[in-house]
Amino acid sequence: MWEWILIGVLALVGFIFFIYYNRFVILGNRIDNSLSQIDVQLKRRADLIPNLIETVKAFAKHEKAAIKAVTDARKALVGAKGIEKKVKADNQLESALKSIFAIAENYPDLKANTNFIELQRELSSTEDRVAYARQFYNDSILAYNNLCKALPGAFFAKLYGKTEKEYLKITEAERKVVKVKF
């Protein structure tokens, strides 16, 4: 009789170890996936930029500095390695895009151009997706970190060598309102 109880307790303990290990794996995969989704949306935005630039070029030939800034920022984003560099490059691209949209205000024909309007809509949609992907990433980090800190997860985190992960953060400079000047 005692042998069956001992076997049952050992099976229960083994099952608990199995459950917690799988929770760490699932949450780690969710974090990796959410980071990948940020990359997907940044790539989508980078792919839309050349079309936007060509449309603006047709209307604003003398606005080469703003167009070059967007092109350079796009190249930096596409070539960025690591999340911190991608976030920095993304913020530079965002700033440069604001300049392009400010240029559009000076060209009524450009503002009314169907291609430009569609590209603006697509970029706006992509911005929303990037924001959502960043939020989902941080939410995934929160769930993972809660598991690492709360009991009994903290015990299993230490046992499996799991440590807290960093949230996606923006710097103080990136929080400032971008001013567009011509």
Foldseek 3Di string as FASTA:
>chain_A
DVVVVVVVVVVVVVVVLVVLVVVLVVLVVLLVVLVVLLVVLLVVLLVLLVLLLVLLCVQCVPPVVLSVQLVVLSVQLVPDDDDVSNVVSVLSNVLSVVLSVVVVVVPVVSVPDPSNVVSVVVNVVSVVSSVVSLVSSQVSLVVNQCLCPDPPSVVSCVVVVHDRDDRDDDDPVSPDDRDHDD
